[in-house]
Amino acid sequence: MIDRVNCEGKRVLVKEKAKRRIKLGCAAAGALAAVVLIATCPIPGLSYQATAVLGILIMAIVWWITGVLPEFVTAVVMAVLFVVVAGISVGATFSTFASSTWWLLLSAFTLGVGMKTSGLMKRIALAIVRKFPRTFRCQVIAQLVTGTVLGPLIPSLAVKGAMLAPLAMNIGDELGYERQGKRATGLFAAMLVGIRTVAPTIVSASVTGYALMATLPADVQEQFNMASWFVAALPWLVVVLVLNYFLIMGIYGRGEKAASGSETVGAPGNAQSLKQSSRGGIDEGGKQPIPDGLGPLSAVEKRMLAIILVTVVLWATEPFHHVSAMAVGLAALVAMFVLKVIDVPAFKSGVNWTSLLFIGIALGLGSVFAEAGLNDWVMQTCGPAFQALAGNPYLLVLGIGVITVVLRFLIVSEVAYLNLLMAFLVPMAASVGVNPWVLGFSAYALVIAWFAKYQSPIYLAAFYAVDGKMAKHSELAKYCGVYLVTCLVGLAVSVPYWQWMGLL
């Protein structure tokens, strides 16, 4: 027995060493490709500076794919090389850190910390779920509604996934669903779909939305405030949610029945009512029950609720009072400190500073491309092909969506991918009379994918929040394909609506 364990440990160690060698080899190959490209400058029409930017960017993409360094460290290396090797100005390379977008992101991250530490997020989720009867159909609706309603309140999809996945698993346990069985998998899928689908339609539902907005020209940003963005995206949201409800019911709602009073395989303990389990603390099976209630609102929850309500209302009504979203967000940040919702240690540990650093550098790619002259070169090189694609609005939006699904296997970061894509597409969109928002939204609608675990931070957060016990990855990967098809259908249905709005 001991020998078998030792052999297994050695095999794991050998595999890890092999993976590490492959990563280092790929990273070295990416750096070598950048050096060769910069040294030989083989691309017609590009200056040394533009070629150097492309070479450094290729190296960074390879490093992001292989994960040889943390994502934000690779971004810092890329930025330094832009300045030192390509001769890009410091102002262009780090332009985002002096913009309102980065400070809005900081305030959005801090709101997430306040929602989580105060307990308000969990209370709201429980209140929504308990409004629905204890049937699979109704709990699927509950998961979809919960994610959709909570969407605008916190910009971190990963945080919402990490908080709602355990709740979904406990509900499945209480209803007697076999863990990793069809209905438990269906609840997990509904939870994930509910959280994610609202994100492209409401800017404040994800930091990616803020990042995408920052890539749009100033006049387009003025056209698409939070309210008008939602109105333009509404048909897509409705189509995707409705289709996924029926698909989840059709795929997972049949062929498996909940246990009634008997022990359920894979789910510890017996199926009990929510009310009964709330009285008994942790039951004999070791399961953490769903509390019947959390008691009255605490003082800190009341203060956080007031802050988030005022903030969301002010964000949504920006066209009327003209106070920038950044100013509102930073005021909310200050209010959380003044009202003692969070303190300095929580601010330091709760805010994802590495993500903020990465996003700040990635958002600067548009300024870097412009200074290097890459935008003009892309227009001249790809303009005719893009014009041909833009001749058919359906082909345009669906083509961008499909390309996004393919490229997301290689470009791991959603924000980095959207910034790279929009840096090329924004200047071309103007030449063919297409609103850049349509191109960005078409990519954002399909940027989520979890065929491979590494592709989606929200999926990783939700999956590992329940230690992979609720659903098998292989089954969820299959549903990923189904979900992405519904996203494409939503884009196709939205085309006539966008034409009516004058966006296409």
Protein backbone atom coordinates (compact mmCIF):
# COMPACT_ATOMS: atom_id res chain seq x y z
CA MET A 1 0.00 0.00 0.00
CA ILE A 2 2.80 2.40 0.92
CA ASP A 3 4.70 1.51 -2.28
CA ARG A 4 1.59 2.26 -4.33
CA VAL A 5 1.22 5.67 -2.69
CA ASN A 6 4.90 6.43 -3.27
CA CYS A 7 4.65 5.45 -6.93
CA GLU A 8 1.59 7.61 -7.39
CA GLY A 9 3.38 10.54 -5.76
CA LYS A 10 6.39 10.10 -8.05
CA ARG A 11 4.15 10.03 -11.13
CA VAL A 12 2.46 13.27 -10.06
CA LEU A 13 5.88 14.87 -9.45
CA VAL A 14 7.12 13.80 -12.89
CA LYS A 15 4.00 15.22 -14.55
CA GLU A 16 4.40 18.53 -12.71
CA LYS A 17 8.04 18.81 -13.77
CA ALA A 18 7.07 18.03 -17.38
CA LYS A 19 4.37 20.72 -17.32
CA ARG A 20 6.83 23.22 -15.89
CA ARG A 21 9.38 22.45 -18.64
CA ILE A 22 6.69 22.86 -21.31
CA LYS A 23 5.65 26.22 -19.85
CA LEU A 24 9.22 27.48 -19.77
CA GLY A 25 9.83 26.24 -23.31
CA CYS A 26 6.73 28.01 -24.64
CA ALA A 27 7.64 31.18 -22.76
CA ALA A 28 11.14 31.12 -24.24
CA ALA A 29 9.69 30.52 -27.70
CA GLY A 30 7.39 33.54 -27.29
CA ALA A 31 10.31 35.75 -26.26
CA LEU A 32 12.42 34.45 -29.17
CA ALA A 33 9.61 35.15 -31.65
CA ALA A 34 9.38 38.73 -30.36
CA VAL A 35 13.16 39.23 -30.69
CA VAL A 36 13.22 37.85 -34.25
CA LEU A 37 10.25 39.98 -35.30
CA ILE A 38 11.72 43.15 -33.82
CA ALA A 39 15.22 42.49 -35.20
CA THR A 40 14.16 41.66 -38.75
CA CYS A 41 11.10 43.95 -39.01
CA PRO A 42 9.59 41.87 -41.84
CA ILE A 43 6.09 43.44 -41.89
CA PRO A 44 5.61 45.88 -44.79
CA GLY A 45 4.16 49.25 -43.90
CA LEU A 46 5.10 49.08 -40.23
CA SER A 47 7.70 51.22 -38.51
CA TYR A 48 10.23 49.79 -36.07
CA GLN A 49 8.12 51.11 -33.19
CA ALA A 50 4.93 49.44 -34.42
CA THR A 51 6.72 46.16 -35.11
CA ALA A 52 8.29 46.23 -31.66
CA VAL A 53 4.86 46.76 -30.06
CA LEU A 54 3.47 43.76 -31.99
CA GLY A 55 6.43 41.58 -31.05
CA ILE A 56 6.19 42.45 -27.36
CA LEU A 57 2.43 41.88 -27.44
CA ILE A 58 2.89 38.44 -29.02
CA MET A 59 5.34 37.51 -26.30
CA ALA A 60 2.90 38.69 -23.61
CA ILE A 61 0.05 36.68 -25.12
CA VAL A 62 2.19 33.52 -25.16
CA TRP A 63 3.13 34.13 -21.52
CA TRP A 64 -0.52 34.65 -20.57
CA ILE A 65 -1.46 31.40 -22.29
CA THR A 66 1.28 29.38 -20.64
CA GLY A 67 0.92 31.05 -17.24
CA VAL A 68 4.68 31.18 -16.80
CA LEU A 69 4.24 34.30 -14.67
CA PRO A 70 1.21 35.72 -12.85
CA GLU A 71 -1.05 37.60 -15.25
CA PHE A 72 -0.33 41.04 -13.81
CA VAL A 73 3.45 40.44 -13.76
CA THR A 74 3.42 39.65 -17.48
CA ALA A 75 1.44 42.86 -18.03
CA VAL A 76 4.07 44.87 -16.13
CA VAL A 77 6.88 43.30 -18.18
CA MET A 78 4.98 44.15 -21.37
CA ALA A 79 4.49 47.77 -20.30
CA VAL A 80 8.17 48.23 -19.38
CA LEU A 81 9.26 46.79 -22.74
CA PHE A 82 6.85 49.11 -24.55
CA VAL A 83 8.70 52.06 -23.00
CA VAL A 84 12.28 50.76 -23.09
CA VAL A 85 12.34 48.76 -26.36
CA ALA A 86 9.54 50.23 -28.48
CA GLY A 87 9.97 53.82 -27.32
CA ILE A 88 6.31 54.32 -26.40
CA SER A 89 5.78 57.23 -24.02
CA VAL A 90 5.11 56.53 -20.36
CA GLY A 91 1.96 58.65 -20.60
CA ALA A 92 0.47 56.44 -23.32
CA THR A 93 1.56 53.15 -21.74
CA PHE A 94 0.07 53.94 -18.34
CA SER A 95 -2.68 56.30 -19.53
CA THR A 96 -5.47 54.33 -17.87
CA PHE A 97 -4.18 55.01 -14.37
CA ALA A 98 -4.81 58.72 -14.95
CA SER A 99 -8.30 58.11 -16.32
CA SER A 100 -11.68 58.02 -14.62
CA THR A 101 -12.10 54.36 -15.62
CA TRP A 102 -9.44 52.98 -13.29
CA TRP A 103 -10.79 54.92 -10.32
CA LEU A 104 -14.30 53.70 -11.12
CA LEU A 105 -12.96 50.16 -11.11
CA LEU A 106 -11.35 50.74 -7.73
CA SER A 107 -14.64 51.94 -6.26
CA ALA A 108 -16.50 49.01 -7.84
CA PHE A 109 -14.09 46.49 -6.30
CA THR A 110 -14.49 48.17 -2.92
CA LEU A 111 -18.28 47.99 -3.14
CA GLY A 112 -17.87 44.24 -3.62
CA VAL A 113 -15.81 44.07 -0.45
CA GLY A 114 -18.51 45.92 1.48
CA MET A 115 -21.32 43.72 0.13
CA LYS A 116 -19.42 40.57 1.07
CA THR A 117 -18.06 41.53 4.49
CA SER A 118 -21.34 43.07 5.68
CA GLY A 119 -23.27 39.89 4.84
CA LEU A 120 -25.78 41.81 2.74
CA MET A 121 -25.10 39.79 -0.41
CA LYS A 122 -25.93 36.50 1.31
CA ARG A 123 -29.07 37.93 2.90
CA ILE A 124 -30.40 39.20 -0.43
CA ALA A 125 -29.69 35.89 -2.15
CA LEU A 126 -31.47 33.91 0.56
CA ALA A 127 -34.47 36.25 0.49
CA ILE A 128 -34.86 35.82 -3.27
CA VAL A 129 -34.49 32.04 -3.27
CA ARG A 130 -37.04 31.57 -0.48
CA LYS A 131 -39.75 33.22 -2.53
CA PHE A 132 -39.93 30.14 -4.77
CA PRO A 133 -41.48 26.69 -4.06
CA ARG A 134 -39.25 23.67 -3.51
CA THR A 135 -39.52 22.15 -6.99
CA PHE A 136 -36.76 21.80 -9.56
CA ARG A 137 -38.58 24.07 -11.98
CA CYS A 138 -39.07 26.83 -9.44
CA GLN A 139 -35.54 26.57 -8.02
CA VAL A 140 -34.09 26.87 -11.55
CA ILE A 141 -36.11 30.06 -11.93
CA ALA A 142 -34.87 31.16 -8.51
CA GLN A 143 -31.24 30.71 -9.53
CA LEU A 144 -31.75 32.62 -12.79
CA VAL A 145 -33.59 35.44 -11.01
CA THR A 146 -31.09 35.62 -8.15
CA GLY A 147 -28.11 36.05 -10.45
CA THR A 148 -29.96 38.57 -12.61
CA VAL A 149 -31.18 40.71 -9.71
CA LEU A 150 -27.84 40.66 -7.90
CA GLY A 151 -25.98 41.49 -11.12
CA PRO A 152 -25.91 45.29 -10.82
CA LEU A 153 -25.03 45.26 -7.13
CA ILE A 154 -21.50 43.92 -7.32
CA PRO A 155 -19.07 44.04 -10.25
CA SER A 156 -17.18 40.84 -9.44
CA LEU A 157 -18.71 37.80 -11.13
CA ALA A 158 -16.24 35.56 -9.33
CA VAL A 159 -17.40 36.81 -5.91
CA LYS A 160 -21.03 36.19 -6.83
CA GLY A 161 -20.18 32.70 -8.08
CA ALA A 162 -18.23 31.87 -4.95
CA MET A 163 -21.10 32.99 -2.72
CA LEU A 164 -24.05 31.54 -4.64
CA ALA A 165 -22.60 28.14 -5.58
CA PRO A 166 -22.60 26.81 -1.98
CA LEU A 167 -26.14 28.10 -1.57
CA ALA A 168 -27.22 26.25 -4.73
CA MET A 169 -25.56 23.03 -3.53
CA ASN A 170 -27.29 23.25 -0.14
CA ILE A 171 -30.63 23.72 -1.86
CA GLY A 172 -29.97 20.64 -3.97
CA ASP A 173 -29.06 18.67 -0.86
CA GLU A 174 -32.24 19.74 0.90
CA LEU A 175 -34.32 18.71 -2.09
CA GLY A 176 -32.62 15.33 -2.16
CA TYR A 177 -30.77 15.77 -5.47
CA GLU A 178 -27.81 13.48 -5.96
CA ARG A 179 -24.64 15.49 -6.07
CA GLN A 180 -23.15 15.44 -9.57
CA GLY A 181 -26.48 14.04 -10.76
CA LYS A 182 -28.65 15.63 -13.42
CA ARG A 183 -30.69 17.96 -11.24
CA ALA A 184 -27.76 19.14 -9.13
CA THR A 185 -25.90 19.86 -12.36
CA GLY A 186 -28.94 21.73 -13.64
CA LEU A 187 -29.06 23.93 -10.53
CA PHE A 188 -25.37 24.71 -10.90
CA ALA A 189 -25.85 25.60 -14.58
CA ALA A 190 -28.81 27.84 -13.73
CA MET A 191 -26.79 29.58 -11.01
CA LEU A 192 -23.90 30.19 -13.42
CA VAL A 193 -26.15 31.34 -16.27
CA GLY A 194 -28.06 33.70 -13.98
CA ILE A 195 -24.92 35.41 -12.72
CA ARG A 196 -23.20 35.66 -16.07
CA THR A 197 -25.98 36.50 -18.55
CA VAL A 198 -26.84 39.83 -16.95
CA ALA A 199 -23.20 40.96 -17.03
CA PRO A 200 -23.02 42.11 -20.68
CA THR A 201 -26.29 44.03 -20.32
CA ILE A 202 -25.53 46.10 -17.21
CA VAL A 203 -22.16 47.82 -17.02
CA SER A 204 -21.99 47.69 -13.22
CA ALA A 205 -22.55 43.92 -13.16
CA SER A 206 -18.92 43.20 -14.07
CA VAL A 207 -15.60 45.00 -14.18
CA THR A 208 -15.33 43.71 -17.75
CA GLY A 209 -18.22 46.00 -18.64
CA TYR A 210 -16.32 49.03 -17.37
CA ALA A 211 -13.23 47.87 -19.25
CA LEU A 212 -15.19 47.49 -22.50
CA MET A 213 -16.79 50.91 -22.08
CA ALA A 214 -13.32 52.42 -21.74
CA THR A 215 -12.33 51.06 -25.17
CA LEU A 216 -15.17 52.95 -26.89
CA PRO A 217 -14.60 56.42 -28.34
CA ALA A 218 -15.65 59.35 -26.16
CA ASP A 219 -18.74 60.16 -28.25
CA VAL A 220 -19.92 56.54 -28.05
CA GLN A 221 -19.37 56.52 -24.28
CA GLU A 222 -21.61 59.57 -24.02
CA GLN A 223 -24.24 57.77 -26.09
CA PHE A 224 -24.16 54.63 -23.93
CA ASN A 225 -24.64 55.42 -20.28
CA MET A 226 -25.79 52.61 -18.02
CA ALA A 227 -29.47 53.03 -18.85
CA SER A 228 -29.12 53.23 -22.65
CA TRP A 229 -26.64 50.32 -22.62
CA PHE A 230 -29.23 48.14 -20.88
CA VAL A 231 -31.99 49.18 -23.28
CA ALA A 232 -29.83 48.27 -26.29
CA ALA A 233 -28.90 44.88 -24.79
CA LEU A 234 -32.36 43.96 -23.45
CA PRO A 235 -33.53 41.68 -26.33
CA TRP A 236 -30.35 39.62 -26.02
CA LEU A 237 -30.84 39.23 -22.26
CA VAL A 238 -34.46 38.08 -22.57
CA VAL A 239 -33.74 35.59 -25.38
CA VAL A 240 -30.75 34.00 -23.62
CA LEU A 241 -32.47 33.68 -20.23
CA VAL A 242 -35.67 32.20 -21.70
CA LEU A 243 -33.82 29.73 -23.92
CA ASN A 244 -31.58 28.58 -21.07
CA TYR A 245 -34.54 28.03 -18.76
CA PHE A 246 -36.20 25.67 -21.25
CA LEU A 247 -32.92 23.97 -22.13
CA ILE A 248 -31.98 23.36 -18.48
CA MET A 249 -35.45 21.94 -17.84
CA GLY A 250 -35.23 19.73 -20.93
CA ILE A 251 -31.72 18.45 -20.29
CA TYR A 252 -31.65 18.15 -16.49
CA GLY A 253 -35.28 18.21 -15.37
CA ARG A 254 -36.13 14.67 -16.39
CA GLY A 255 -35.05 11.18 -15.44
CA GLU A 256 -34.08 11.84 -11.85
CA LYS A 257 -36.36 12.26 -8.86
CA ALA A 258 -35.58 13.74 -5.50
CA ALA A 259 -35.32 11.37 -2.58
CA SER A 260 -38.10 11.59 -0.04
CA GLY A 261 -37.03 10.95 3.51
CA SER A 262 -34.31 8.48 2.54
CA GLU A 263 -30.60 8.99 2.33
CA THR A 264 -29.52 10.41 -1.01
CA VAL A 265 -26.36 9.15 -2.66
CA GLY A 266 -23.74 11.86 -2.81
CA ALA A 267 -25.62 14.31 -0.62
CA PRO A 268 -24.90 13.98 3.10
CA GLY A 269 -27.87 13.52 5.38
CA ASN A 270 -31.52 13.03 4.55
CA ALA A 271 -33.79 15.32 2.57
CA GLN A 272 -35.50 17.64 5.05
CA SER A 273 -37.55 20.74 4.84
CA LEU A 274 -35.79 24.08 4.90
CA LYS A 275 -37.59 24.98 8.09
CA GLN A 276 -36.57 21.79 9.88
CA SER A 277 -32.93 22.06 8.92
CA SER A 278 -32.77 25.66 10.01
CA ARG A 279 -33.61 24.64 13.57
CA GLY A 280 -30.98 22.00 13.98
CA GLY A 281 -27.69 23.66 13.07
CA ILE A 282 -25.37 21.17 11.38
CA ASP A 283 -27.16 17.84 11.05
CA GLU A 284 -25.81 14.36 11.69
CA GLY A 285 -24.66 14.00 8.10
CA GLY A 286 -22.33 16.94 8.54
CA LYS A 287 -24.27 19.15 6.15
CA GLN A 288 -24.42 22.91 6.64
CA PRO A 289 -28.15 23.65 6.40
CA ILE A 290 -29.74 26.66 4.81
CA PRO A 291 -30.85 29.01 7.59
CA ASP A 292 -34.51 29.93 7.65
CA GLY A 293 -33.49 33.52 8.17
CA LEU A 294 -30.63 35.67 9.33
CA GLY A 295 -32.62 37.72 11.78
CA PRO A 296 -33.16 41.46 11.48
CA LEU A 297 -30.78 43.60 9.47
CA SER A 298 -27.68 44.47 11.42
CA ALA A 299 -26.57 48.08 11.65
CA VAL A 300 -23.70 47.51 9.22
CA GLU A 301 -26.04 45.81 6.74
CA LYS A 302 -28.44 48.75 6.87
CA ARG A 303 -25.62 51.19 6.20
CA MET A 304 -24.30 49.09 3.30
CA LEU A 305 -27.79 48.72 1.86
CA ALA A 306 -28.26 52.49 1.91
CA ILE A 307 -24.88 53.03 0.23
CA ILE A 308 -25.47 50.49 -2.53
CA LEU A 309 -29.01 51.69 -3.26
CA VAL A 310 -27.95 55.33 -3.53
CA THR A 311 -24.93 54.38 -5.66
CA VAL A 312 -26.90 52.23 -8.11
CA VAL A 313 -29.65 54.85 -8.43
CA LEU A 314 -27.11 57.60 -9.11
CA TRP A 315 -25.31 55.43 -11.66
CA ALA A 316 -28.54 54.65 -13.47
CA THR A 317 -29.70 58.28 -13.49
CA GLU A 318 -26.41 59.83 -14.60
CA PRO A 319 -28.02 61.40 -17.74
CA PHE A 320 -30.24 63.51 -15.48
CA HIS A 321 -27.85 64.78 -12.80
CA HIS A 322 -24.58 64.62 -14.86
CA VAL A 323 -22.48 63.51 -11.91
CA SER A 324 -19.87 61.11 -13.31
CA ALA A 325 -20.00 57.44 -12.35
CA MET A 326 -16.44 57.75 -11.08
CA ALA A 327 -17.38 60.52 -8.64
CA VAL A 328 -20.38 58.52 -7.41
CA GLY A 329 -18.26 55.41 -6.96
CA LEU A 330 -15.52 57.18 -5.04
CA ALA A 331 -18.13 58.88 -2.84
CA ALA A 332 -19.52 55.41 -2.04
CA LEU A 333 -15.99 54.25 -1.19
CA VAL A 334 -15.55 57.13 1.24
CA ALA A 335 -19.00 56.52 2.74
CA MET A 336 -18.12 52.90 3.51
CA PHE A 337 -15.13 54.06 5.55
CA VAL A 338 -16.97 56.90 7.25
CA LEU A 339 -19.89 54.65 8.20
CA LYS A 340 -17.51 51.86 9.28
CA VAL A 341 -18.80 49.28 6.80
CA ILE A 342 -15.18 48.41 5.98
CA ASP A 343 -11.86 49.30 7.55
CA VAL A 344 -8.33 49.65 6.25
CA PRO A 345 -7.35 45.96 6.73
CA ALA A 346 -10.48 44.84 4.85
CA PHE A 347 -9.71 47.36 2.09
CA LYS A 348 -6.15 46.10 1.76
CA SER A 349 -7.03 42.41 1.75
CA GLY A 350 -10.42 42.48 0.04
CA VAL A 351 -9.68 44.56 -3.07
CA ASN A 352 -8.07 42.54 -5.87
CA TRP A 353 -5.10 44.83 -6.41
CA THR A 354 -3.34 42.52 -8.87
CA SER A 355 -6.42 42.52 -11.13
CA LEU A 356 -6.61 46.31 -10.93
CA LEU A 357 -2.95 46.56 -11.93
CA PHE A 358 -3.44 44.18 -14.85
CA ILE A 359 -6.60 45.93 -16.03
CA GLY A 360 -4.91 49.33 -15.87
CA ILE A 361 -2.07 48.20 -18.13
CA ALA A 362 -4.32 46.22 -20.50
CA LEU A 363 -6.64 49.19 -20.99
CA GLY A 364 -3.66 51.25 -22.11
CA LEU A 365 -3.19 49.10 -25.22
CA GLY A 366 -5.47 51.37 -27.23
CA SER A 367 -3.24 54.39 -26.50
CA VAL A 368 -0.11 52.34 -27.23
CA PHE A 369 -1.50 51.17 -30.59
CA ALA A 370 -2.47 54.72 -31.52
CA GLU A 371 0.98 56.17 -30.70
CA ALA A 372 2.73 53.38 -32.63
CA GLY A 373 0.55 53.96 -35.71
CA LEU A 374 -0.93 50.47 -35.62
CA ASN A 375 -4.49 51.71 -35.95
CA ASP A 376 -3.82 53.25 -39.35
CA TRP A 377 -1.98 50.14 -40.52
CA VAL A 378 -4.85 47.89 -39.43
CA MET A 379 -7.30 50.12 -41.31
CA GLN A 380 -5.30 49.85 -44.49
CA THR A 381 -4.64 46.12 -44.16
CA CYS A 382 -7.95 44.80 -42.88
CA GLY A 383 -10.35 47.50 -44.00
CA PRO A 384 -11.55 45.80 -47.22
CA ALA A 385 -12.19 42.45 -45.50
CA PHE A 386 -14.02 44.12 -42.65
CA GLN A 387 -16.15 46.11 -45.09
CA ALA A 388 -17.14 42.86 -46.81
CA LEU A 389 -18.06 41.34 -43.47
CA ALA A 390 -19.97 44.45 -42.46
CA GLY A 391 -22.10 44.19 -45.57
CA ASN A 392 -24.25 41.59 -43.80
CA PRO A 393 -25.17 42.60 -40.22
CA TYR A 394 -25.99 39.02 -39.23
CA LEU A 395 -22.66 37.77 -40.54
CA LEU A 396 -20.91 40.63 -38.76
CA VAL A 397 -22.22 40.05 -35.22
CA LEU A 398 -22.25 36.25 -35.44
CA GLY A 399 -18.77 36.20 -36.98
CA ILE A 400 -17.33 38.29 -34.16
CA GLY A 401 -19.05 35.97 -31.66
CA VAL A 402 -17.65 32.78 -33.20
CA ILE A 403 -14.14 34.24 -33.52
CA THR A 404 -14.33 35.22 -29.86
CA VAL A 405 -15.15 31.66 -28.79
CA VAL A 406 -12.17 30.32 -30.74
CA LEU A 407 -9.64 32.92 -29.61
CA ARG A 408 -10.63 32.64 -25.96
CA PHE A 409 -8.90 29.26 -25.86
CA LEU A 410 -5.67 31.18 -26.41
CA ILE A 411 -6.21 34.55 -24.76
CA VAL A 412 -7.13 33.67 -21.21
CA SER A 413 -8.08 37.08 -19.88
CA GLU A 414 -11.51 38.38 -20.89
CA VAL A 415 -10.42 41.98 -20.36
CA ALA A 416 -7.20 41.52 -22.33
CA TYR A 417 -9.07 39.88 -25.21
CA LEU A 418 -11.69 42.62 -25.43
CA ASN A 419 -9.03 45.32 -25.29
CA LEU A 420 -6.98 43.66 -28.02
CA LEU A 421 -10.04 43.15 -30.20
CA MET A 422 -11.45 46.65 -29.75
CA ALA A 423 -8.08 48.29 -30.34
CA PHE A 424 -8.30 46.87 -33.87
CA LEU A 425 -12.05 47.10 -34.49
CA VAL A 426 -12.90 50.58 -33.21
CA PRO A 427 -11.05 52.49 -35.96
CA MET A 428 -12.43 50.15 -38.63
CA ALA A 429 -16.01 50.42 -37.39
CA ALA A 430 -16.11 54.14 -38.11
CA SER A 431 -15.14 53.61 -41.76
CA VAL A 432 -18.14 51.36 -42.46
CA GLY A 433 -20.73 53.20 -40.41
CA VAL A 434 -21.13 50.59 -37.67
CA ASN A 435 -21.41 51.69 -34.06
CA PRO A 436 -18.41 50.26 -32.16
CA TRP A 437 -20.75 49.33 -29.29
CA VAL A 438 -22.30 46.59 -31.44
CA LEU A 439 -18.89 45.05 -32.10
CA GLY A 440 -17.89 45.22 -28.46
CA PHE A 441 -21.17 43.79 -27.22
CA SER A 442 -21.06 40.95 -29.79
CA ALA A 443 -17.66 39.93 -28.42
CA TYR A 444 -18.66 40.47 -24.77
CA ALA A 445 -21.74 38.28 -25.25
CA LEU A 446 -19.53 35.31 -26.23
CA VAL A 447 -16.38 36.05 -24.24
CA ILE A 448 -17.47 33.66 -21.47
CA ALA A 449 -16.51 30.03 -21.99
CA TRP A 450 -15.68 27.21 -19.63
CA PHE A 451 -14.85 24.34 -21.97
CA ALA A 452 -11.52 24.38 -20.15
CA LYS A 453 -11.47 25.46 -16.52
CA TYR A 454 -8.77 28.07 -17.05
CA GLN A 455 -10.97 30.06 -19.44
CA SER A 456 -13.35 31.56 -16.87
CA PRO A 457 -12.60 33.06 -13.44
CA ILE A 458 -16.31 33.01 -12.52
CA TYR A 459 -16.55 29.31 -13.37
CA LEU A 460 -13.40 28.50 -11.39
CA ALA A 461 -14.68 30.45 -8.39
CA ALA A 462 -18.08 28.76 -8.43
CA PHE A 463 -16.78 25.26 -9.20
CA TYR A 464 -14.16 25.26 -6.46
CA ALA A 465 -16.38 27.06 -3.94
CA VAL A 466 -18.12 23.67 -3.64
CA ASP A 467 -14.90 21.68 -4.25
CA GLY A 468 -16.30 20.33 -7.51
CA LYS A 469 -18.81 18.23 -5.56
CA MET A 470 -22.01 19.61 -7.04
CA ALA A 471 -21.45 18.90 -10.74
CA LYS A 472 -18.85 17.22 -12.94
CA HIS A 473 -16.77 19.49 -15.12
CA SER A 474 -17.27 17.21 -18.13
CA GLU A 475 -21.05 17.71 -17.92
CA LEU A 476 -20.77 21.46 -17.36
CA ALA A 477 -18.37 21.75 -20.31
CA LYS A 478 -21.04 20.18 -22.51
CA TYR A 479 -23.57 22.75 -21.33
CA CYS A 480 -21.09 25.52 -22.09
CA GLY A 481 -21.55 24.74 -25.81
CA VAL A 482 -25.32 24.90 -25.37
CA TYR A 483 -25.10 28.22 -23.56
CA LEU A 484 -22.88 29.80 -26.21
CA VAL A 485 -25.32 28.77 -28.93
CA THR A 486 -28.11 30.58 -27.07
CA CYS A 487 -25.87 33.65 -26.92
CA LEU A 488 -25.45 33.52 -30.71
CA VAL A 489 -29.22 33.19 -31.15
CA GLY A 490 -29.65 36.23 -28.91
CA LEU A 491 -27.29 38.22 -31.14
CA ALA A 492 -29.17 37.20 -34.28
CA VAL A 493 -32.51 38.23 -32.73
CA SER A 494 -31.02 41.58 -31.67
CA VAL A 495 -29.87 42.57 -35.18
CA PRO A 496 -33.24 44.01 -36.36
CA TYR A 497 -33.59 45.84 -33.04
CA TRP A 498 -30.13 47.40 -33.41
CA GLN A 499 -30.91 48.36 -36.99
CA TRP A 500 -34.05 50.10 -35.76
CA MET A 501 -31.94 51.95 -33.18
CA GLY A 502 -29.53 53.07 -35.92
CA LEU A 503 -26.55 51.13 -34.56
CA LEU A 504 -26.17 48.93 -37.65
